[in-house]
Amino acid sequence: MQKLIIENIHETYNYTLLKQVYEEILVSCFPDPEDHLNWKTMKRMAKRGLEDETANERVLISVSKQIREDGMVFPVAFFVGVYYRRSRTGLISYMGMRDGCRGFSASNIQKQVLIEMKKEAAKEKEELRAVLSLVDLPEHADPRYITLPPTQRIIIMERNGASYIPINFHYPMFKNSLLSFISPKITYKYDAALLGYKLHGKLTTESPEAIKDFIDDFYESYGLDPKCDPMVEKMKREIDFIPHGIDIKLSKRYRLKEKEKRIQNSRIVAAVCSA
């Protein structure tokens, strides 16, 4: 396969390439309707996030692509991230690889994540404090929408420097109702784990204040006041109890569970055969 070229859409504003990535990779990687937006909504959000230089959240979109001999562009992998200026932290929101190209492109695109986040911090002569990501917990995976084994997704991220932040992370969710515009009903969804990437030779758990500041920015991006949200306070208290510099590989937990399940199934089969 030809050498991959990285194009940063947050620098080129190439919405034609963005639409190609959306149609050819993102939709197939994230078939769950809750995980992806329709194209018009995504373009509107991306355009606002890319071009609003004053916002706290800076949207970053990078694409690994090939230029074929006939001149056609062939996107292979992509990531969508958010850099939070106030906390100097980053979030990897979406990352996907074209089917059949996952083996070699995952590492390249994840390295690009860290490069782009560091560049954003350097623009303001600051140092990037943390890069985090959310990954679905395997036990909550919907079989209808699995495109990559959930444990395998975690392993890929860990191979590129991610480790588990041992807190109970909760997504803010809004319930639609006739009175939502007056008093929004907020619920929380607990089906994802928070991972942190190793930066500057240090584990994310060595920077508890950066994790807390990231959570503030993340919740504020949903229109909430983190100082008045009891769930945010609860997560911050949990961060205080994380041992300094701990490196937990979340995949080990699920590998053990899968091994135990295989052993249990083999015992059941043996018992049936001997009966």
C-alpha atoms as a PDB file:
ATOM      1  CA  MET A   1       0.000   0.000   0.000  1.00  0.00           C
ATOM      2  CA  GLN A   2       1.236   3.509  -0.787  1.00  0.00           C
ATOM      3  CA  LYS A   3       2.598   5.822   1.858  1.00  0.00           C
ATOM      4  CA  LEU A   4      -0.090   7.631   3.824  1.00  0.00           C
ATOM      5  CA  ILE A   5      -0.396  11.413   3.787  1.00  0.00           C
ATOM      6  CA  ILE A   6      -1.872  13.293   6.753  1.00  0.00           C
ATOM      7  CA  GLU A   7      -4.258  16.156   5.991  1.00  0.00           C
ATOM      8  CA  ASN A   8      -5.482  18.351   8.823  1.00  0.00           C
ATOM      9  CA  ILE A   9      -8.967  19.544   7.914  1.00  0.00           C
ATOM     10  CA  HIS A  10      -8.800  22.061  10.779  1.00  0.00           C
ATOM     11  CA  GLU A  11      -6.077  23.758   8.726  1.00  0.00           C
ATOM     12  CA  THR A  12      -7.262  23.153   5.137  1.00  0.00           C
ATOM     13  CA  TYR A  13     -11.056  23.392   5.732  1.00  0.00           C
ATOM     14  CA  ASN A  14     -11.468  20.650   3.115  1.00  0.00           C
ATOM     15  CA  TYR A  15     -15.158  19.824   3.604  1.00  0.00           C
ATOM     16  CA  THR A  16     -15.163  17.678   0.441  1.00  0.00           C
ATOM     17  CA  LEU A  17     -12.662  15.315   2.105  1.00  0.00           C
ATOM     18  CA  LEU A  18     -14.625  15.495   5.363  1.00  0.00           C
ATOM     19  CA  LYS A  19     -17.795  14.346   3.587  1.00  0.00           C
ATOM     20  CA  GLN A  20     -15.877  11.493   1.947  1.00  0.00           C
ATOM     21  CA  VAL A  21     -14.575  10.390   5.358  1.00  0.00           C
ATOM     22  CA  TYR A  22     -18.071  10.659   6.797  1.00  0.00           C
ATOM     23  CA  GLU A  23     -19.690   8.529   4.076  1.00  0.00           C
ATOM     24  CA  GLU A  24     -16.933   5.969   3.559  1.00  0.00           C
ATOM     25  CA  ILE A  25     -15.602   5.422   7.093  1.00  0.00           C
ATOM     26  CA  LEU A  26     -17.455   7.135   9.934  1.00  0.00           C
ATOM     27  CA  VAL A  27     -20.942   5.801   9.213  1.00  0.00           C
ATOM     28  CA  SER A  28     -19.696   2.213   8.874  1.00  0.00           C
ATOM     29  CA  CYS A  29     -17.483   2.456  11.980  1.00  0.00           C
ATOM     30  CA  PHE A  30     -20.264   3.946  14.105  1.00  0.00           C
ATOM     31  CA  PRO A  31     -23.556   2.400  12.948  1.00  0.00           C
ATOM     32  CA  ASP A  32     -25.332   3.135  16.233  1.00  0.00           C
ATOM     33  CA  PRO A  33     -27.629   6.152  15.544  1.00  0.00           C
ATOM     34  CA  GLU A  34     -26.614   7.630  18.916  1.00  0.00           C
ATOM     35  CA  ASP A  35     -22.942   7.639  17.887  1.00  0.00           C
ATOM     36  CA  HIS A  36     -23.072   9.683  14.715  1.00  0.00           C
ATOM     37  CA  LEU A  37     -24.854  12.706  13.307  1.00  0.00           C
ATOM     38  CA  ASN A  38     -26.398  13.206   9.905  1.00  0.00           C
ATOM     39  CA  TRP A  39     -24.039  14.890   7.446  1.00  0.00           C
ATOM     40  CA  LYS A  40     -25.688  18.336   7.452  1.00  0.00           C
ATOM     41  CA  THR A  41     -25.576  18.552  11.244  1.00  0.00           C
ATOM     42  CA  MET A  42     -22.011  17.309  11.374  1.00  0.00           C
ATOM     43  CA  LYS A  43     -20.854  19.793   8.729  1.00  0.00           C
ATOM     44  CA  ARG A  44     -22.541  22.683  10.544  1.00  0.00           C
ATOM     45  CA  MET A  45     -20.977  21.704  13.884  1.00  0.00           C
ATOM     46  CA  ALA A  46     -17.564  21.064  12.319  1.00  0.00           C
ATOM     47  CA  LYS A  47     -17.584  24.387  10.473  1.00  0.00           C
ATOM     48  CA  ARG A  48     -18.501  26.306  13.602  1.00  0.00           C
ATOM     49  CA  GLY A  49     -15.926  24.464  15.687  1.00  0.00           C
ATOM     50  CA  LEU A  50     -13.156  24.786  13.101  1.00  0.00           C
ATOM     51  CA  GLU A  51     -13.632  28.452  12.288  1.00  0.00           C
ATOM     52  CA  ASP A  52     -14.514  29.981  15.678  1.00  0.00           C
ATOM     53  CA  GLU A  53     -11.072  30.990  16.942  1.00  0.00           C
ATOM     54  CA  THR A  54     -12.470  32.546  20.133  1.00  0.00           C
ATOM     55  CA  ALA A  55     -14.256  29.450  21.456  1.00  0.00           C
ATOM     56  CA  ASN A  56     -12.854  27.442  24.362  1.00  0.00           C
ATOM     57  CA  GLU A  57     -13.277  24.259  22.302  1.00  0.00           C
ATOM     58  CA  ARG A  58     -11.147  23.935  19.179  1.00  0.00           C
ATOM     59  CA  VAL A  59     -12.224  21.080  16.859  1.00  0.00           C
ATOM     60  CA  LEU A  60      -9.366  19.097  15.302  1.00  0.00           C
ATOM     61  CA  ILE A  61      -9.911  16.722  12.368  1.00  0.00           C
ATOM     62  CA  SER A  62      -7.041  14.780  10.791  1.00  0.00           C
ATOM     63  CA  VAL A  63      -7.251  12.274   7.952  1.00  0.00           C
ATOM     64  CA  SER A  64      -4.751   9.645   6.766  1.00  0.00           C
ATOM     65  CA  LYS A  65      -5.175   9.392   3.014  1.00  0.00           C
ATOM     66  CA  GLN A  66      -3.604   8.038  -0.163  1.00  0.00           C
ATOM     67  CA  ILE A  67      -3.428   9.717  -3.555  1.00  0.00           C
ATOM     68  CA  ARG A  68      -3.938   7.022  -6.172  1.00  0.00           C
ATOM     69  CA  GLU A  69      -2.303   6.978  -9.606  1.00  0.00           C
ATOM     70  CA  ASP A  70      -5.524   8.231 -11.178  1.00  0.00           C
ATOM     71  CA  GLY A  71      -5.508  11.215  -8.803  1.00  0.00           C
ATOM     72  CA  MET A  72      -8.393   9.944  -6.659  1.00  0.00           C
ATOM     73  CA  VAL A  73      -8.171  10.512  -2.912  1.00  0.00           C
ATOM     74  CA  PHE A  74      -8.549   7.382  -0.765  1.00  0.00           C
ATOM     75  CA  PRO A  75      -9.064   8.163   2.959  1.00  0.00           C
ATOM     76  CA  VAL A  76      -7.850   5.355   5.217  1.00  0.00           C
ATOM     77  CA  ALA A  77      -8.311   6.633   8.780  1.00  0.00           C
ATOM     78  CA  PHE A  78      -9.381   9.743  10.667  1.00  0.00           C
ATOM     79  CA  PHE A  79      -9.793  11.273  14.084  1.00  0.00           C
ATOM     80  CA  VAL A  80     -11.967  14.049  15.436  1.00  0.00           C
ATOM     81  CA  GLY A  81     -10.743  15.675  18.620  1.00  0.00           C
ATOM     82  CA  VAL A  82     -11.459  18.672  20.799  1.00  0.00           C
ATOM     83  CA  TYR A  83      -8.784  20.845  22.368  1.00  0.00           C
ATOM     84  CA  TYR A  84      -9.966  22.766  25.437  1.00  0.00           C
ATOM     85  CA  ARG A  85      -8.034  26.026  25.706  1.00  0.00           C
ATOM     86  CA  ARG A  86      -8.908  26.798  29.310  1.00  0.00           C
ATOM     87  CA  SER A  87      -7.738  23.487  30.764  1.00  0.00           C
ATOM     88  CA  ARG A  88      -5.112  22.824  28.036  1.00  0.00           C
ATOM     89  CA  THR A  89      -6.427  19.298  27.653  1.00  0.00           C
ATOM     90  CA  GLY A  90      -7.700  17.301  24.706  1.00  0.00           C
ATOM     91  CA  LEU A  91     -10.444  14.787  24.019  1.00  0.00           C
ATOM     92  CA  ILE A  92     -10.403  12.208  21.232  1.00  0.00           C
ATOM     93  CA  SER A  93     -14.059  12.173  20.182  1.00  0.00           C
ATOM     94  CA  TYR A  94     -14.057   9.900  17.132  1.00  0.00           C
ATOM     95  CA  MET A  95     -11.401   7.722  15.585  1.00  0.00           C
ATOM     96  CA  GLY A  96     -11.973   5.225  12.810  1.00  0.00           C
ATOM     97  CA  MET A  97     -10.171   3.173  10.189  1.00  0.00           C
ATOM     98  CA  ARG A  98     -11.379   1.865   6.862  1.00  0.00           C
ATOM     99  CA  ASP A  99     -12.210  -1.834   7.018  1.00  0.00           C
ATOM    100  CA  GLY A 100      -9.180  -3.897   6.008  1.00  0.00           C
ATOM    101  CA  CYS A 101      -6.709  -1.100   6.854  1.00  0.00           C
ATOM    102  CA  ARG A 102      -6.944  -1.128  10.635  1.00  0.00           C
ATOM    103  CA  GLY A 103      -3.711  -2.941  11.389  1.00  0.00           C
ATOM    104  CA  PHE A 104      -1.234  -0.293  10.271  1.00  0.00           C
ATOM    105  CA  SER A 105      -3.283   2.908  10.326  1.00  0.00           C
ATOM    106  CA  ALA A 106      -4.405   2.902  13.975  1.00  0.00           C
ATOM    107  CA  SER A 107      -0.951   3.712  15.305  1.00  0.00           C
ATOM    108  CA  ASN A 108      -0.343   6.488  12.765  1.00  0.00           C
ATOM    109  CA  ILE A 109      -3.604   8.288  13.411  1.00  0.00           C
ATOM    110  CA  GLN A 110      -3.284   8.076  17.202  1.00  0.00           C
ATOM    111  CA  LYS A 111       0.224   9.552  17.060  1.00  0.00           C
ATOM    112  CA  GLN A 112      -1.232  12.372  14.974  1.00  0.00           C
ATOM    113  CA  VAL A 113      -3.768  13.066  17.731  1.00  0.00           C
ATOM    114  CA  LEU A 114      -1.023  13.913  20.188  1.00  0.00           C
ATOM    115  CA  ILE A 115       0.902  15.973  17.622  1.00  0.00           C
ATOM    116  CA  GLU A 116      -2.142  18.143  16.824  1.00  0.00           C
ATOM    117  CA  MET A 117      -3.060  18.631  20.485  1.00  0.00           C
ATOM    118  CA  LYS A 118       0.504  19.709  21.316  1.00  0.00           C
ATOM    119  CA  LYS A 119       0.477  22.142  18.381  1.00  0.00           C
ATOM    120  CA  GLU A 120      -2.698  23.791  19.688  1.00  0.00           C
ATOM    121  CA  ALA A 121      -1.165  24.281  23.136  1.00  0.00           C
ATOM    122  CA  ALA A 122       2.068  25.606  21.605  1.00  0.00           C
ATOM    123  CA  LYS A 123       0.116  28.309  19.721  1.00  0.00           C
ATOM    124  CA  GLU A 124      -0.452  29.975  23.082  1.00  0.00           C
ATOM    125  CA  LYS A 125       3.063  29.098  24.301  1.00  0.00           C
ATOM    126  CA  GLU A 126       1.614  26.572  26.709  1.00  0.00           C
ATOM    127  CA  GLU A 127       2.228  22.881  27.331  1.00  0.00           C
ATOM    128  CA  LEU A 128      -0.464  20.272  26.732  1.00  0.00           C
ATOM    129  CA  ARG A 129      -1.513  18.864  30.111  1.00  0.00           C
ATOM    130  CA  ALA A 130      -3.551  15.777  29.198  1.00  0.00           C
ATOM    131  CA  VAL A 131      -5.234  13.955  26.316  1.00  0.00           C
ATOM    132  CA  LEU A 132      -8.183  11.744  27.185  1.00  0.00           C
ATOM    133  CA  SER A 133     -10.631   9.509  25.397  1.00  0.00           C
ATOM    134  CA  LEU A 134     -13.840   7.658  26.149  1.00  0.00           C
ATOM    135  CA  VAL A 135     -14.261   4.016  25.198  1.00  0.00           C
ATOM    136  CA  ASP A 136     -17.412   1.907  25.429  1.00  0.00           C
ATOM    137  CA  LEU A 137     -17.448  -0.627  28.244  1.00  0.00           C
ATOM    138  CA  PRO A 138     -17.710  -4.083  26.603  1.00  0.00           C
ATOM    139  CA  GLU A 139     -20.555  -5.199  28.870  1.00  0.00           C
ATOM    140  CA  HIS A 140     -22.714  -2.360  27.516  1.00  0.00           C
ATOM    141  CA  ALA A 141     -21.951  -2.973  23.824  1.00  0.00           C
ATOM    142  CA  ASP A 142     -25.054  -3.435  21.678  1.00  0.00           C
ATOM    143  CA  PRO A 143     -24.535  -6.571  19.502  1.00  0.00           C
ATOM    144  CA  ARG A 144     -26.452  -4.887  16.654  1.00  0.00           C
ATOM    145  CA  TYR A 145     -23.799  -2.214  16.257  1.00  0.00           C
ATOM    146  CA  ILE A 146     -20.503  -3.983  16.975  1.00  0.00           C
ATOM    147  CA  THR A 147     -18.006  -3.359  14.151  1.00  0.00           C
ATOM    148  CA  LEU A 148     -14.890  -4.130  16.202  1.00  0.00           C
ATOM    149  CA  PRO A 149     -14.783  -6.342  19.325  1.00  0.00           C
ATOM    150  CA  PRO A 150     -15.039  -3.913  22.266  1.00  0.00           C
ATOM    151  CA  THR A 151     -12.025  -5.388  24.039  1.00  0.00           C
ATOM    152  CA  GLN A 152      -9.983  -5.102  20.827  1.00  0.00           C
ATOM    153  CA  ARG A 153     -10.823  -1.402  20.616  1.00  0.00           C
ATOM    154  CA  ILE A 154      -9.410  -0.924  24.129  1.00  0.00           C
ATOM    155  CA  ILE A 155      -6.271  -2.912  23.267  1.00  0.00           C
ATOM    156  CA  ILE A 156      -5.590  -0.731  20.202  1.00  0.00           C
ATOM    157  CA  MET A 157      -5.792   2.410  22.316  1.00  0.00           C
ATOM    158  CA  GLU A 158      -3.570   0.926  25.036  1.00  0.00           C
ATOM    159  CA  ARG A 159      -0.910  -0.021  22.510  1.00  0.00           C
ATOM    160  CA  ASN A 160      -0.623   3.654  21.696  1.00  0.00           C
ATOM    161  CA  GLY A 161      -0.140   4.844  25.254  1.00  0.00           C
ATOM    162  CA  ALA A 162      -3.610   4.922  26.835  1.00  0.00           C
ATOM    163  CA  SER A 163      -4.322   3.721  30.362  1.00  0.00           C
ATOM    164  CA  TYR A 164      -7.504   3.534  32.428  1.00  0.00           C
ATOM    165  CA  ILE A 165      -8.551   6.426  34.692  1.00  0.00           C
ATOM    166  CA  PRO A 166     -10.326   4.483  37.482  1.00  0.00           C
ATOM    167  CA  ILE A 167     -13.372   6.659  38.081  1.00  0.00           C
ATOM    168  CA  ASN A 168     -17.059   6.128  37.332  1.00  0.00           C
ATOM    169  CA  PHE A 169     -17.413   8.462  34.370  1.00  0.00           C
ATOM    170  CA  HIS A 170     -20.935   9.643  33.541  1.00  0.00           C
ATOM    171  CA  TYR A 171     -22.171  11.257  30.338  1.00  0.00           C
ATOM    172  CA  PRO A 172     -24.641  14.105  30.811  1.00  0.00           C
ATOM    173  CA  MET A 173     -27.869  13.312  28.945  1.00  0.00           C
ATOM    174  CA  PHE A 174     -30.856  15.585  28.364  1.00  0.00           C
ATOM    175  CA  LYS A 175     -34.431  14.321  28.371  1.00  0.00           C
ATOM    176  CA  ASN A 176     -36.671  16.017  25.838  1.00  0.00           C
ATOM    177  CA  SER A 177     -39.966  17.311  27.164  1.00  0.00           C
ATOM    178  CA  LEU A 178     -42.367  20.163  26.552  1.00  0.00           C
ATOM    179  CA  LEU A 179     -40.790  22.118  29.417  1.00  0.00           C
ATOM    180  CA  SER A 180     -37.151  21.378  28.508  1.00  0.00           C
ATOM    181  CA  PHE A 181     -36.523  24.959  27.416  1.00  0.00           C
ATOM    182  CA  ILE A 182     -37.514  26.138  30.926  1.00  0.00           C
ATOM    183  CA  SER A 183     -36.047  23.411  33.101  1.00  0.00           C
ATOM    184  CA  PRO A 184     -33.919  20.803  31.263  1.00  0.00           C
ATOM    185  CA  LYS A 185     -34.101  17.311  32.700  1.00  0.00           C
ATOM    186  CA  ILE A 186     -30.582  15.924  33.019  1.00  0.00           C
ATOM    187  CA  THR A 187     -29.799  12.248  33.401  1.00  0.00           C
ATOM    188  CA  TYR A 188     -26.492  10.411  33.291  1.00  0.00           C
ATOM    189  CA  LYS A 189     -25.278   7.486  31.261  1.00  0.00           C
ATOM    190  CA  TYR A 190     -22.583   5.198  32.622  1.00  0.00           C
ATOM    191  CA  ASP A 191     -21.445   2.955  29.794  1.00  0.00           C
ATOM    192  CA  ALA A 192     -17.971   4.261  28.966  1.00  0.00           C
ATOM    193  CA  ALA A 193     -14.543   4.311  30.572  1.00  0.00           C
ATOM    194  CA  LEU A 194     -12.178   7.285  30.660  1.00  0.00           C
ATOM    195  CA  LEU A 195      -8.693   6.640  29.285  1.00  0.00           C
ATOM    196  CA  GLY A 196      -5.700   8.968  29.454  1.00  0.00           C
ATOM    197  CA  TYR A 197      -2.703   9.050  27.118  1.00  0.00           C
ATOM    198  CA  LYS A 198       0.870   9.191  28.348  1.00  0.00           C
ATOM    199  CA  LEU A 199       2.360  12.666  27.774  1.00  0.00           C
ATOM    200  CA  HIS A 200       5.850  14.084  28.315  1.00  0.00           C
ATOM    201  CA  GLY A 201       6.918  10.689  29.660  1.00  0.00           C
ATOM    202  CA  LYS A 202       4.285  10.835  32.394  1.00  0.00           C
ATOM    203  CA  LEU A 203       1.070   8.905  32.991  1.00  0.00           C
ATOM    204  CA  THR A 204      -2.188  10.871  33.054  1.00  0.00           C
ATOM    205  CA  THR A 205      -2.812   9.812  36.649  1.00  0.00           C
ATOM    206  CA  GLU A 206       0.231  11.886  37.643  1.00  0.00           C
ATOM    207  CA  SER A 207      -1.813  14.975  36.710  1.00  0.00           C
ATOM    208  CA  PRO A 208      -5.049  14.760  38.747  1.00  0.00           C
ATOM    209  CA  GLU A 209      -5.723  18.508  38.499  1.00  0.00           C
ATOM    210  CA  ALA A 210      -5.582  18.323  34.695  1.00  0.00           C
ATOM    211  CA  ILE A 211      -8.170  15.514  34.722  1.00  0.00           C
ATOM    212  CA  LYS A 212     -10.442  17.592  36.951  1.00  0.00           C
ATOM    213  CA  ASP A 213     -10.093  20.647  34.721  1.00  0.00           C
ATOM    214  CA  PHE A 214     -10.859  18.492  31.667  1.00  0.00           C
ATOM    215  CA  ILE A 215     -14.088  17.273  33.294  1.00  0.00           C
ATOM    216  CA  ASP A 216     -15.100  20.894  33.994  1.00  0.00           C
ATOM    217  CA  ASP A 217     -14.566  21.845  30.341  1.00  0.00           C
ATOM    218  CA  PHE A 218     -16.278  18.688  29.080  1.00  0.00           C
ATOM    219  CA  TYR A 219     -19.435  19.305  31.125  1.00  0.00           C
ATOM    220  CA  GLU A 220     -19.439  23.009  30.318  1.00  0.00           C
ATOM    221  CA  SER A 221     -19.393  22.129  26.595  1.00  0.00           C
ATOM    222  CA  TYR A 222     -22.798  20.500  27.222  1.00  0.00           C
ATOM    223  CA  GLY A 223     -24.129  23.786  28.585  1.00  0.00           C
ATOM    224  CA  LEU A 224     -23.875  22.775  32.251  1.00  0.00           C
ATOM    225  CA  ASP A 225     -22.270  24.564  35.169  1.00  0.00           C
ATOM    226  CA  PRO A 226     -19.785  22.011  36.557  1.00  0.00           C
ATOM    227  CA  LYS A 227     -19.566  23.877  39.869  1.00  0.00           C
ATOM    228  CA  CYS A 228     -23.258  23.220  40.496  1.00  0.00           C
ATOM    229  CA  ASP A 229     -23.388  19.638  39.235  1.00  0.00           C
ATOM    230  CA  PRO A 230     -23.194  16.968  41.969  1.00  0.00           C
ATOM    231  CA  MET A 231     -22.059  14.332  39.455  1.00  0.00           C
ATOM    232  CA  VAL A 232     -19.012  16.410  38.540  1.00  0.00           C
ATOM    233  CA  GLU A 233     -18.156  16.836  42.209  1.00  0.00           C
ATOM    234  CA  LYS A 234     -18.499  13.094  42.741  1.00  0.00           C
ATOM    235  CA  MET A 235     -16.100  12.307  39.876  1.00  0.00           C
ATOM    236  CA  LYS A 236     -13.587  14.837  41.176  1.00  0.00           C
ATOM    237  CA  ARG A 237     -13.639  13.227  44.615  1.00  0.00           C
ATOM    238  CA  GLU A 238     -12.934   9.872  42.967  1.00  0.00           C
ATOM    239  CA  ILE A 239      -9.939  11.408  41.173  1.00  0.00           C
ATOM    240  CA  ASP A 240      -8.478  12.415  44.553  1.00  0.00           C
ATOM    241  CA  PHE A 241      -8.290   8.744  45.532  1.00  0.00           C
ATOM    242  CA  ILE A 242      -6.412   7.571  42.402  1.00  0.00           C
ATOM    243  CA  PRO A 243      -2.903   6.379  43.405  1.00  0.00           C
ATOM    244  CA  HIS A 244      -0.233   8.690  41.974  1.00  0.00           C
ATOM    245  CA  GLY A 245       1.154   7.490  38.642  1.00  0.00           C
ATOM    246  CA  ILE A 246      -0.968   4.335  38.436  1.00  0.00           C
ATOM    247  CA  ASP A 247      -1.026   2.534  35.069  1.00  0.00           C
ATOM    248  CA  ILE A 248      -4.067   0.266  34.658  1.00  0.00           C
ATOM    249  CA  LYS A 249      -4.648  -1.708  31.477  1.00  0.00           C
ATOM    250  CA  LEU A 250      -8.417  -2.010  31.242  1.00  0.00           C
ATOM    251  CA  SER A 251      -8.131  -4.774  28.632  1.00  0.00           C
ATOM    252  CA  LYS A 252      -6.654  -7.158  31.225  1.00  0.00           C
ATOM    253  CA  ARG A 253      -9.916  -7.096  33.172  1.00  0.00           C
ATOM    254  CA  TYR A 254     -11.918  -8.165  30.129  1.00  0.00           C
ATOM    255  CA  ARG A 255      -9.342 -10.675  28.914  1.00  0.00           C
ATOM    256  CA  LEU A 256      -9.611 -12.435  32.271  1.00  0.00           C
ATOM    257  CA  LYS A 257     -13.407 -12.400  32.057  1.00  0.00           C
ATOM    258  CA  GLU A 258     -13.295 -13.835  28.535  1.00  0.00           C
ATOM    259  CA  LYS A 259     -10.840 -16.531  29.635  1.00  0.00           C
ATOM    260  CA  GLU A 260     -13.044 -17.463  32.601  1.00  0.00           C
ATOM    261  CA  LYS A 261     -16.068 -17.633  30.294  1.00  0.00           C
ATOM    262  CA  ARG A 262     -14.241 -19.947  27.853  1.00  0.00           C
ATOM    263  CA  ILE A 263     -13.169 -22.229  30.716  1.00  0.00           C
ATOM    264  CA  GLN A 264     -16.697 -22.304  32.102  1.00  0.00           C
ATOM    265  CA  ASN A 265     -18.169 -23.121  28.667  1.00  0.00           C
ATOM    266  CA  SER A 266     -15.639 -25.907  28.096  1.00  0.00           C
ATOM    267  CA  ARG A 267     -16.557 -27.427  31.444  1.00  0.00           C
ATOM    268  CA  ILE A 268     -20.239 -27.321  30.566  1.00  0.00           C
ATOM    269  CA  VAL A 269     -19.572 -29.014  27.222  1.00  0.00           C
ATOM    270  CA  ALA A 270     -17.435 -31.672  28.921  1.00  0.00           C
ATOM    271  CA  ALA A 271     -20.139 -32.329  31.500  1.00  0.00           C
ATOM    272  CA  VAL A 272     -22.807 -32.701  28.784  1.00  0.00           C
ATOM    273  CA  CYS A 273     -20.627 -35.066  26.738  1.00  0.00           C
ATOM    274  CA  SER A 274     -19.869 -37.289  29.712  1.00  0.00           C
ATOM    275  CA  ALA A 275     -23.518 -37.485  30.830  1.00  0.00           C
END
